[in-house]
Amino acid sequence: MAHVFEMAPTGRSKCRGCGQAIAKGELRFGERLPNAFGEGEMTLWFHPLCAAYKRPESVLQALAESPGSAT
């Protein structure tokens, strides 16, 4: 389950950290987790700054796995 950074295609998602909307075209961080209600995965969306405070381990993991990382 890879976490992801992407540009928001719409303005419908809300940040799980601050509860504010994530605007269309804004960078967002998605934490992918197993779906507790069925098969597959679910994605929790965050503003990158909110994710850094609320989920620092997931953000560091995503940055280490990104194609541009120097590891």
N, C-alpha and C. Protein backbone atom coordinates (compact mmCIF):
# COMPACT_ATOMS: atom_id res chain seq x y z
N MET A 1 0.83 -1.18 0.00
CA MET A 1 0.00 0.00 0.00
C MET A 1 0.88 1.24 0.00
N ALA A 2 0.98 1.85 -1.13
CA ALA A 2 1.81 3.03 -1.25
C ALA A 2 1.00 4.29 -0.99
N HIS A 3 1.54 5.16 -0.19
CA HIS A 3 0.91 6.45 0.04
C HIS A 3 1.24 7.32 -1.17
N VAL A 4 0.48 8.38 -1.37
CA VAL A 4 0.62 9.13 -2.61
C VAL A 4 0.51 10.64 -2.40
N PHE A 5 1.28 11.40 -3.18
CA PHE A 5 1.13 12.84 -3.31
C PHE A 5 0.58 13.08 -4.71
N GLU A 6 -0.48 13.87 -4.83
CA GLU A 6 -1.05 14.18 -6.14
C GLU A 6 -1.79 15.51 -6.08
N MET A 7 -2.08 16.02 -7.26
CA MET A 7 -2.89 17.23 -7.37
C MET A 7 -4.35 16.82 -7.29
N ALA A 8 -5.15 17.54 -6.54
CA ALA A 8 -6.57 17.22 -6.38
C ALA A 8 -7.31 17.48 -7.70
N PRO A 9 -7.97 16.44 -8.25
CA PRO A 9 -8.69 16.63 -9.51
C PRO A 9 -9.98 17.43 -9.35
N THR A 10 -10.56 17.43 -8.16
CA THR A 10 -11.77 18.20 -7.87
C THR A 10 -11.58 18.87 -6.51
N GLY A 11 -12.53 19.64 -6.09
CA GLY A 11 -12.46 20.29 -4.79
C GLY A 11 -13.38 19.64 -3.77
N ARG A 12 -13.70 18.36 -3.96
CA ARG A 12 -14.68 17.70 -3.10
C ARG A 12 -14.10 17.04 -1.85
N SER A 13 -12.81 16.71 -1.85
CA SER A 13 -12.25 16.01 -0.69
C SER A 13 -11.96 16.97 0.45
N LYS A 14 -12.03 16.44 1.67
CA LYS A 14 -11.72 17.21 2.87
C LYS A 14 -10.47 16.64 3.53
N CYS A 15 -9.71 17.51 4.13
CA CYS A 15 -8.52 17.11 4.87
C CYS A 15 -8.93 16.42 6.16
N ARG A 16 -8.34 15.26 6.42
CA ARG A 16 -8.63 14.54 7.66
C ARG A 16 -7.90 15.15 8.85
N GLY A 17 -7.00 16.08 8.61
CA GLY A 17 -6.29 16.74 9.69
C GLY A 17 -7.00 17.96 10.22
N CYS A 18 -7.39 18.87 9.31
CA CYS A 18 -8.00 20.13 9.73
C CYS A 18 -9.48 20.23 9.40
N GLY A 19 -9.99 19.35 8.56
CA GLY A 19 -11.41 19.36 8.21
C GLY A 19 -11.78 20.35 7.10
N GLN A 20 -10.82 21.10 6.60
CA GLN A 20 -11.08 22.07 5.53
C GLN A 20 -11.05 21.37 4.17
N ALA A 21 -11.71 21.94 3.19
CA ALA A 21 -11.72 21.40 1.84
C ALA A 21 -10.33 21.50 1.22
N ILE A 22 -10.01 20.54 0.36
CA ILE A 22 -8.78 20.58 -0.41
C ILE A 22 -9.17 21.08 -1.80
N ALA A 23 -8.68 22.24 -2.18
CA ALA A 23 -9.10 22.89 -3.41
C ALA A 23 -8.63 22.14 -4.65
N LYS A 24 -9.38 22.30 -5.73
CA LYS A 24 -9.03 21.70 -7.01
C LYS A 24 -7.66 22.22 -7.45
N GLY A 25 -6.79 21.30 -7.87
CA GLY A 25 -5.45 21.67 -8.31
C GLY A 25 -4.44 21.81 -7.20
N GLU A 26 -4.85 21.69 -5.96
CA GLU A 26 -3.95 21.81 -4.81
C GLU A 26 -3.28 20.46 -4.54
N LEU A 27 -2.03 20.50 -4.11
CA LEU A 27 -1.32 19.27 -3.76
C LEU A 27 -1.96 18.66 -2.52
N ARG A 28 -2.14 17.34 -2.54
CA ARG A 28 -2.71 16.63 -1.39
C ARG A 28 -1.94 15.34 -1.16
N PHE A 29 -1.99 14.86 0.08
CA PHE A 29 -1.34 13.62 0.47
C PHE A 29 -2.41 12.59 0.77
N GLY A 30 -2.28 11.41 0.18
CA GLY A 30 -3.23 10.33 0.41
C GLY A 30 -2.58 9.20 1.18
N GLU A 31 -3.15 8.87 2.34
CA GLU A 31 -2.68 7.75 3.14
C GLU A 31 -3.58 6.56 2.81
N ARG A 32 -3.01 5.53 2.21
CA ARG A 32 -3.79 4.37 1.81
C ARG A 32 -3.74 3.32 2.91
N LEU A 33 -4.94 2.86 3.29
CA LEU A 33 -5.11 1.90 4.36
C LEU A 33 -6.05 0.79 3.91
N PRO A 34 -6.00 -0.37 4.56
CA PRO A 34 -6.97 -1.41 4.24
C PRO A 34 -8.39 -0.91 4.56
N ASN A 35 -9.34 -1.25 3.73
CA ASN A 35 -10.72 -0.85 3.93
C ASN A 35 -11.33 -1.69 5.05
N ALA A 36 -11.78 -1.05 6.10
CA ALA A 36 -12.35 -1.75 7.25
C ALA A 36 -13.77 -2.26 6.96
N PHE A 37 -14.38 -1.76 5.90
CA PHE A 37 -15.77 -2.10 5.60
C PHE A 37 -15.93 -3.06 4.43
N GLY A 38 -14.84 -3.48 3.84
CA GLY A 38 -14.92 -4.38 2.70
C GLY A 38 -13.54 -4.68 2.16
N GLU A 39 -13.50 -5.19 0.94
CA GLU A 39 -12.22 -5.53 0.32
C GLU A 39 -11.56 -4.28 -0.26
N GLY A 40 -10.27 -4.38 -0.46
CA GLY A 40 -9.53 -3.30 -1.09
C GLY A 40 -8.95 -2.30 -0.12
N GLU A 41 -8.72 -1.11 -0.64
CA GLU A 41 -8.10 -0.03 0.13
C GLU A 41 -9.01 1.18 0.19
N MET A 42 -8.72 2.04 1.15
CA MET A 42 -9.36 3.35 1.21
C MET A 42 -8.24 4.38 1.32
N THR A 43 -8.52 5.58 0.91
CA THR A 43 -7.52 6.65 0.95
C THR A 43 -8.03 7.78 1.81
N LEU A 44 -7.22 8.18 2.79
CA LEU A 44 -7.52 9.33 3.64
C LEU A 44 -6.70 10.50 3.11
N TRP A 45 -7.37 11.59 2.77
CA TRP A 45 -6.69 12.75 2.17
C TRP A 45 -6.35 13.80 3.21
N PHE A 46 -5.18 14.41 3.03
CA PHE A 46 -4.67 15.46 3.91
C PHE A 46 -4.02 16.56 3.09
N HIS A 47 -4.03 17.79 3.62
CA HIS A 47 -3.11 18.81 3.11
C HIS A 47 -1.71 18.32 3.48
N PRO A 48 -0.68 18.56 2.67
CA PRO A 48 0.66 18.07 3.02
C PRO A 48 1.15 18.54 4.40
N LEU A 49 0.88 19.78 4.77
CA LEU A 49 1.31 20.28 6.08
C LEU A 49 0.56 19.58 7.21
N CYS A 50 -0.74 19.36 7.04
CA CYS A 50 -1.52 18.65 8.05
C CYS A 50 -1.02 17.21 8.19
N ALA A 51 -0.69 16.59 7.08
CA ALA A 51 -0.18 15.21 7.11
C ALA A 51 1.16 15.14 7.83
N ALA A 52 1.99 16.16 7.65
CA ALA A 52 3.29 16.18 8.32
C ALA A 52 3.14 16.22 9.83
N TYR A 53 2.09 16.88 10.32
CA TYR A 53 1.84 16.93 11.77
C TYR A 53 1.10 15.70 12.27
N LYS A 54 0.11 15.24 11.52
CA LYS A 54 -0.75 14.15 11.98
C LYS A 54 -0.21 12.76 11.66
N ARG A 55 0.47 12.60 10.52
CA ARG A 55 0.96 11.30 10.07
C ARG A 55 2.41 11.38 9.59
N PRO A 56 3.35 11.80 10.43
CA PRO A 56 4.73 12.02 9.95
C PRO A 56 5.40 10.76 9.40
N GLU A 57 5.11 9.59 9.97
CA GLU A 57 5.74 8.36 9.50
C GLU A 57 5.29 8.04 8.08
N SER A 58 4.02 8.22 7.79
CA SER A 58 3.49 7.95 6.45
C SER A 58 4.06 8.92 5.42
N VAL A 59 4.20 10.18 5.79
CA VAL A 59 4.76 11.18 4.88
C VAL A 59 6.21 10.85 4.59
N LEU A 60 6.99 10.51 5.59
CA LEU A 60 8.40 10.16 5.38
C LEU A 60 8.53 8.92 4.50
N GLN A 61 7.65 7.95 4.70
CA GLN A 61 7.67 6.74 3.87
C GLN A 61 7.36 7.09 2.41
N ALA A 62 6.36 7.93 2.19
CA ALA A 62 5.99 8.32 0.83
C ALA A 62 7.12 9.11 0.16
N LEU A 63 7.76 9.98 0.89
CA LEU A 63 8.86 10.75 0.32
C LEU A 63 10.04 9.85 -0.03
N ALA A 64 10.32 8.85 0.81
CA ALA A 64 11.42 7.93 0.53
C ALA A 64 11.15 7.06 -0.69
N GLU A 65 9.88 6.75 -0.95
CA GLU A 65 9.52 5.90 -2.08
C GLU A 65 9.25 6.68 -3.35
N SER A 66 9.25 8.00 -3.29
CA SER A 66 8.95 8.81 -4.49
C SER A 66 10.08 8.68 -5.51
N PRO A 67 9.77 8.79 -6.79
CA PRO A 67 10.78 8.61 -7.84
C PRO A 67 11.95 9.59 -7.77
N GLY A 68 11.74 10.79 -7.26
CA GLY A 68 12.79 11.79 -7.21
C GLY A 68 13.63 11.77 -5.93
N SER A 69 13.40 10.78 -5.06
CA SER A 69 14.12 10.75 -3.78
C SER A 69 15.55 10.27 -3.99
N ALA A 70 16.45 10.78 -3.17
CA ALA A 70 17.86 10.42 -3.25
C ALA A 70 18.17 9.41 -2.16
N THR A 71 17.96 8.14 -2.45
CA THR A 71 18.27 7.08 -1.47
C THR A 71 19.31 6.16 -1.98
